[in-house]
């Protein structure tokens, strides 16, 4: 798959038929990759340091950093489950008008897209249940998902499609650049990320086609509005990540029994908020394939997003 950050895609490479064929090639079931004897190993980190960024927190010892890594791994997959709560209805809304389409591959590919997103939501719920059972203390996550989905879905469809595309390319970047070759990570957690990545590779292609289709019926003014609204959605998530950092510190204090000074709490908030920004915002906004799509929609829109992304990198 040509999904590495260094590959700038040619949209003519993408088709509904090819995406469907790739999706059907390596199907997997939730039951095959989680549950039973397949348990999380809390003696190993879940996330690579490039995503968790615990090293700069010098007031934490090694055991506390590992616990924070587990908390961040939990929030990482829960946030993916959260965003897929709006991706699923969005894809279904896009697919519904196509049901009478003469292009059967398009209909089947979009329905497969939706089915796989539903599977991912199920997978991440199973993960959260297993994590909660084995971790030993609670970890709060921003939400509720339905309310976040309502807010995101209230925006222009093209803005939502751009948000989804951002997420799909971000997923590819995380796995290929940070997770795939890190042998120190928990194999079970890596398996969850790998199987998620396998299907998101096709979703990135399908959402590129969706963005193209939606943009073709938009005026120039609507495209400007959609890009502005996408930037607004990014801002909504940025605010949510600030809240998530507060939850993470509370979870760390509960799990370790430690009380943090005001200076330690401030350093934690600043460092971890920027880590969330880099992980979930900067990684998507600066992905070459995402920027290439923006550039085709509106060159000034690409420049706008590149400038804003500097704060998130």
Protein backbone atom coordinates (compact mmCIF):
# COMPACT_ATOMS: atom_id res chain seq x y z
CA UNK A 1 0.00 0.00 0.00
CA UNK A 2 1.35 3.43 -0.92
CA UNK A 3 0.26 5.21 2.22
CA UNK A 4 3.58 6.37 3.64
CA UNK A 5 3.92 10.03 4.46
CA UNK A 6 6.44 10.46 1.65
CA UNK A 7 4.08 9.30 -1.09
CA UNK A 8 1.95 12.00 -2.67
CA UNK A 9 -0.97 10.15 -4.17
CA UNK A 10 -2.52 10.55 -7.58
CA UNK A 11 -6.31 10.58 -7.09
CA UNK A 12 -6.72 8.76 -10.40
CA UNK A 13 -5.17 5.76 -8.64
CA UNK A 14 -8.26 5.45 -6.46
CA UNK A 15 -11.50 3.70 -7.36
CA UNK A 16 -14.43 2.25 -5.46
CA UNK A 17 -13.85 -1.12 -7.10
CA UNK A 18 -10.20 -1.28 -6.02
CA UNK A 19 -11.01 -0.17 -2.47
CA UNK A 20 -13.72 -2.81 -2.18
CA UNK A 21 -11.40 -5.53 -3.50
CA UNK A 22 -8.69 -4.57 -1.01
CA UNK A 23 -11.21 -4.53 1.83
CA UNK A 24 -12.41 -8.03 0.99
CA UNK A 25 -8.87 -9.42 0.74
CA UNK A 26 -7.99 -9.53 4.46
CA UNK A 27 -11.21 -9.48 6.52
CA UNK A 28 -11.01 -9.86 10.29
CA UNK A 29 -13.49 -10.24 13.15
CA UNK A 30 -13.40 -8.50 16.51
CA UNK A 31 -13.58 -11.91 18.21
CA UNK A 32 -10.40 -12.99 16.44
CA UNK A 33 -8.16 -10.26 17.89
CA UNK A 34 -9.42 -9.47 21.40
CA UNK A 35 -10.69 -11.49 24.32
CA UNK A 36 -9.89 -14.91 25.71
CA UNK A 37 -6.17 -15.52 26.13
CA UNK A 38 -5.28 -12.36 24.20
CA UNK A 39 -4.70 -9.95 27.07
CA UNK A 40 -2.96 -6.60 27.38
CA UNK A 41 0.53 -6.71 28.89
CA UNK A 42 0.79 -3.89 31.41
CA UNK A 43 4.51 -4.53 31.82
CA UNK A 44 5.07 -3.03 28.39
CA UNK A 45 4.16 0.38 26.90
CA UNK A 46 1.13 0.62 24.65
CA UNK A 47 2.07 3.72 22.68
CA UNK A 48 5.45 4.67 21.19
CA UNK A 49 7.18 7.59 22.86
CA UNK A 50 6.65 9.71 19.73
CA UNK A 51 2.91 9.66 20.53
CA UNK A 52 2.85 9.43 24.34
CA UNK A 53 5.68 11.94 24.99
CA UNK A 54 6.18 10.97 28.64
CA UNK A 55 9.98 11.42 28.64
CA UNK A 56 9.91 15.23 29.14
CA UNK A 57 7.97 14.76 32.39
CA UNK A 58 11.12 14.45 34.49
CA UNK A 59 9.20 14.57 37.79
CA UNK A 60 7.76 11.12 36.97
CA UNK A 61 9.75 7.97 37.64
CA UNK A 62 9.92 5.08 35.16
CA UNK A 63 6.98 3.21 36.67
CA UNK A 64 4.80 6.35 36.66
CA UNK A 65 5.72 7.07 33.04
CA UNK A 66 4.70 3.54 32.09
CA UNK A 67 1.37 3.99 33.88
CA UNK A 68 0.83 7.27 32.04
CA UNK A 69 1.65 5.50 28.77
CA UNK A 70 -1.14 3.00 29.53
CA UNK A 71 -3.54 5.83 30.34
CA UNK A 72 -2.61 7.53 27.07
CA UNK A 73 -3.07 4.25 25.19
CA UNK A 74 -6.54 3.98 26.69
CA UNK A 75 -7.49 7.53 25.72
CA UNK A 76 -5.93 7.03 22.26
CA UNK A 77 -8.23 4.15 21.32
CA UNK A 78 -11.23 5.64 23.11
CA UNK A 79 -10.84 8.86 21.09
CA UNK A 80 -10.72 6.80 17.90
CA UNK A 81 -13.94 5.11 19.01
CA UNK A 82 -15.41 8.54 19.71
CA UNK A 83 -14.63 9.98 16.27
CA UNK A 84 -15.92 6.86 14.54
CA UNK A 85 -19.26 7.55 16.22
CA UNK A 86 -19.69 10.41 13.73
CA UNK A 87 -17.81 8.83 10.84
CA UNK A 88 -20.31 5.94 10.74
CA UNK A 89 -23.50 8.03 10.31
CA UNK A 90 -21.70 10.42 7.97
CA UNK A 91 -20.70 7.60 5.62
CA UNK A 92 -24.21 6.14 5.78
CA UNK A 93 -25.70 9.56 4.96
CA UNK A 94 -23.36 9.80 1.99
CA UNK A 95 -24.12 6.25 0.86
CA UNK A 96 -27.92 6.49 1.09
CA UNK A 97 -28.41 8.68 -2.02
CA UNK A 98 -26.16 6.28 -3.95
CA UNK A 99 -28.31 3.20 -3.36
CA UNK A 100 -29.94 3.57 -6.76
CA UNK A 101 -26.60 4.40 -8.38
CA UNK A 102 -25.64 2.40 -11.44
CA UNK A 103 -22.15 2.04 -9.95
CA UNK A 104 -22.61 -1.05 -7.78
CA UNK A 105 -18.97 -0.96 -6.68
CA UNK A 106 -19.48 2.52 -5.25
CA UNK A 107 -22.51 1.43 -3.22
CA UNK A 108 -20.82 -1.73 -1.94
CA UNK A 109 -17.57 0.08 -1.10
CA UNK A 110 -19.38 2.77 0.91
CA UNK A 111 -21.48 0.21 2.78
CA UNK A 112 -18.33 -1.79 3.51
CA UNK A 113 -16.72 1.43 4.79
CA UNK A 114 -19.65 1.93 7.18
CA UNK A 115 -19.63 -1.70 8.30
CA UNK A 116 -15.93 -1.55 9.10
CA UNK A 117 -16.36 1.66 11.10
CA UNK A 118 -19.08 -0.07 13.14
CA UNK A 119 -16.65 -2.96 13.71
CA UNK A 120 -13.97 -0.54 14.90
CA UNK A 121 -16.40 1.01 17.41
CA UNK A 122 -17.14 -2.50 18.70
CA UNK A 123 -13.42 -3.31 18.89
CA UNK A 124 -12.61 -0.20 20.91
CA UNK A 125 -15.51 -0.83 23.30
CA UNK A 126 -14.14 -4.32 23.91
CA UNK A 127 -10.70 -2.83 24.50
CA UNK A 128 -12.05 -0.32 27.00
CA UNK A 129 -13.88 -3.05 28.92
CA UNK A 130 -10.73 -5.19 29.09
CA UNK A 131 -8.54 -2.23 30.03
CA UNK A 132 -10.92 -1.18 32.82
CA UNK A 133 -10.99 -4.72 34.19
CA UNK A 134 -7.20 -5.13 34.24
CA UNK A 135 -5.84 -1.62 34.90
CA UNK A 136 -7.23 -1.38 38.41
CA UNK A 137 -8.64 2.15 38.43
CA UNK A 138 -10.89 4.31 36.28
CA UNK A 139 -9.80 6.54 33.39
CA UNK A 140 -12.20 9.24 32.18
CA UNK A 141 -12.45 10.19 28.50
CA UNK A 142 -14.00 13.24 26.85
CA UNK A 143 -17.50 12.87 25.47
CA UNK A 144 -20.19 11.75 25.34
CA UNK A 145 -19.61 10.49 21.79
CA UNK A 146 -23.15 11.23 20.60
CA UNK A 147 -22.90 14.87 21.64
CA UNK A 148 -19.55 15.29 19.90
CA UNK A 149 -21.01 13.58 16.82
CA UNK A 150 -23.97 15.97 16.89
CA UNK A 151 -21.69 19.01 17.01
CA UNK A 152 -19.41 17.78 14.23
CA UNK A 153 -22.29 16.66 11.99
CA UNK A 154 -23.90 20.10 12.27
CA UNK A 155 -21.20 21.46 9.95
CA UNK A 156 -21.09 21.52 6.16
CA UNK A 157 -20.78 17.97 4.74
CA UNK A 158 -17.53 18.86 2.98
CA UNK A 159 -16.08 20.11 6.29
CA UNK A 160 -17.02 16.81 7.92
CA UNK A 161 -15.52 14.86 5.01
CA UNK A 162 -12.26 16.81 5.37
CA UNK A 163 -12.24 16.03 9.10
CA UNK A 164 -12.71 12.34 8.35
CA UNK A 165 -9.96 12.45 5.73
CA UNK A 166 -7.64 14.12 8.25
CA UNK A 167 -8.34 11.26 10.68
CA UNK A 168 -7.80 8.53 8.08
CA UNK A 169 -4.40 9.87 6.96
CA UNK A 170 -3.43 10.55 10.58
CA UNK A 171 -4.10 6.87 11.37
CA UNK A 172 -1.84 5.78 8.54
CA UNK A 173 0.93 8.07 9.67
CA UNK A 174 0.79 6.89 13.29
CA UNK A 175 1.02 3.21 12.44
CA UNK A 176 3.57 3.40 9.65
CA UNK A 177 5.91 5.95 11.20
CA UNK A 178 5.64 5.16 14.91
CA UNK A 179 4.03 1.82 15.73
CA UNK A 180 4.88 -0.77 13.09
CA UNK A 181 8.60 -1.16 13.81
CA UNK A 182 8.57 -0.54 17.58
CA UNK A 183 9.36 -3.95 19.10
CA UNK A 184 9.11 -2.66 22.68
CA UNK A 185 5.33 -2.19 22.58
CA UNK A 186 2.73 -4.61 23.92
CA UNK A 187 2.00 -7.04 21.05
CA UNK A 188 -1.72 -7.18 21.82
CA UNK A 189 -2.13 -3.40 21.72
CA UNK A 190 -0.09 -3.32 18.49
CA UNK A 191 -2.39 -5.97 17.02
CA UNK A 192 -5.40 -3.73 17.66
CA UNK A 193 -3.65 -0.82 15.97
CA UNK A 194 -2.53 -2.97 13.04
CA UNK A 195 -5.98 -4.34 12.28
CA UNK A 196 -7.47 -0.86 12.57
CA UNK A 197 -4.81 0.53 10.22
CA UNK A 198 -5.38 -2.21 7.64
CA UNK A 199 -8.95 -1.07 7.00
CA UNK A 200 -8.34 2.64 7.46
CA UNK A 201 -5.92 2.45 4.52
CA UNK A 202 -8.91 1.82 2.26
CA UNK A 203 -11.06 4.35 4.10
CA UNK A 204 -8.53 7.09 3.29
CA UNK A 205 -8.97 6.32 -0.40
CA UNK A 206 -12.76 6.17 -0.17
CA UNK A 207 -12.96 9.41 1.77
CA UNK A 208 -10.74 11.08 -0.81
CA UNK A 209 -13.34 10.09 -3.40
CA UNK A 210 -16.11 11.37 -1.11
CA UNK A 211 -14.39 14.74 -0.72
CA UNK A 212 -14.05 14.96 -4.48
CA UNK A 213 -17.72 14.10 -5.04
CA UNK A 214 -18.94 16.59 -2.44
CA UNK A 215 -16.71 19.38 -3.74
CA UNK A 216 -18.01 18.94 -7.28
CA UNK A 217 -21.45 20.21 -6.22
CA UNK A 218 -20.08 23.09 -4.12
CA UNK A 219 -19.60 26.67 -5.18
CA UNK A 220 -16.27 28.35 -4.55
CA UNK A 221 -17.84 30.17 -1.60
CA UNK A 222 -19.06 26.87 -0.12
CA UNK A 223 -15.59 25.38 -0.41
CA UNK A 224 -14.15 28.37 1.46
CA UNK A 225 -16.81 27.92 4.14
CA UNK A 226 -16.17 24.18 4.38
CA UNK A 227 -12.42 24.64 4.90
CA UNK A 228 -13.09 27.30 7.54
CA UNK A 229 -15.52 24.94 9.28
CA UNK A 230 -12.98 22.11 9.16
CA UNK A 231 -10.52 24.41 10.93
CA UNK A 232 -13.27 25.14 13.46
CA UNK A 233 -13.78 21.42 14.09
CA UNK A 234 -10.04 21.08 14.70
CA UNK A 235 -10.38 23.82 17.30
CA UNK A 236 -13.23 21.96 19.00
CA UNK A 237 -11.06 18.89 19.35
CA UNK A 238 -8.15 20.97 20.60
CA UNK A 239 -10.35 22.23 23.44
CA UNK A 240 -11.41 18.65 24.12
CA UNK A 241 -7.80 17.53 24.38
CA UNK A 242 -7.14 20.18 27.02
CA UNK A 243 -9.92 18.58 29.06
CA UNK A 244 -8.54 15.10 28.34
CA UNK A 245 -5.18 16.12 29.79
CA UNK A 246 -6.94 17.07 33.04
CA UNK A 247 -8.62 13.67 33.08
CA UNK A 248 -5.28 11.94 32.44
CA UNK A 249 -3.60 13.67 35.36
CA UNK A 250 -6.49 12.69 37.62
CA UNK A 251 -6.24 9.10 36.35
CA UNK A 252 -2.48 9.06 36.96
CA UNK A 253 -2.91 10.39 40.50
CA UNK A 254 -5.57 7.76 41.21
CA UNK A 255 -3.52 4.90 39.74
CA UNK A 256 -0.27 5.83 41.50
CA UNK A 257 -1.59 7.34 44.71
CA UNK A 258 0.59 10.36 44.08
CA UNK A 259 -0.27 14.01 44.65
CA UNK A 260 1.20 16.51 42.21
CA UNK A 261 2.37 20.02 43.03
CA UNK A 262 0.95 23.01 41.18
CA UNK A 263 4.18 23.32 39.16
CA UNK A 264 4.11 19.63 38.25
CA UNK A 265 0.46 19.82 37.24
CA UNK A 266 1.17 22.88 35.07
CA UNK A 267 4.13 21.17 33.37
CA UNK A 268 2.02 18.07 32.80
CA UNK A 269 -0.83 20.09 31.28
CA UNK A 270 1.42 22.06 28.93
CA UNK A 271 3.48 19.12 27.75
CA UNK A 272 0.68 16.60 27.37
CA UNK A 273 -1.69 19.03 25.67
CA UNK A 274 0.93 19.69 23.02
CA UNK A 275 1.51 15.94 22.74
CA UNK A 276 -2.20 15.41 22.03
CA UNK A 277 -2.07 18.23 19.50
CA UNK A 278 0.87 16.69 17.67
CA UNK A 279 -0.70 13.23 17.74
CA UNK A 280 -4.25 14.00 16.68
CA UNK A 281 -4.10 17.39 14.95
CA UNK A 282 -0.66 18.13 13.53
CA UNK A 283 -0.16 14.60 12.20
CA UNK A 284 -3.30 14.85 10.09
CA UNK A 285 -3.12 18.50 9.05
CA UNK A 286 0.43 18.13 7.71
CA UNK A 287 0.07 14.77 5.99
CA UNK A 288 1.07 15.27 2.35
CA UNK A 289 -1.91 13.42 0.97
CA UNK A 290 -4.34 15.45 3.04
CA UNK A 291 -2.64 18.68 1.96
CA UNK A 292 -2.72 17.54 -1.66
CA UNK A 293 -6.50 17.15 -1.44
CA UNK A 294 -6.83 20.60 0.12
CA UNK A 295 -4.63 22.06 -2.60
CA UNK A 296 -6.88 20.69 -5.31
CA UNK A 297 -9.94 22.11 -3.61
CA UNK A 298 -8.42 25.53 -3.02
CA UNK A 299 -4.69 26.37 -2.95
CA UNK A 300 -5.31 29.20 -0.47
CA UNK A 301 -7.08 26.69 1.78
CA UNK A 302 -4.00 24.49 1.85
CA UNK A 303 -1.85 27.48 2.79
CA UNK A 304 -4.34 28.44 5.50
CA UNK A 305 -4.24 24.97 7.07
CA UNK A 306 -0.45 24.72 6.84
CA UNK A 307 -0.11 28.00 8.74
CA UNK A 308 -2.57 26.96 11.45
CA UNK A 309 -0.93 23.53 11.78
CA UNK A 310 2.31 25.11 13.02
CA UNK A 311 0.70 25.54 16.45
CA UNK A 312 -0.14 21.84 16.55
CA UNK A 313 3.26 20.42 15.61
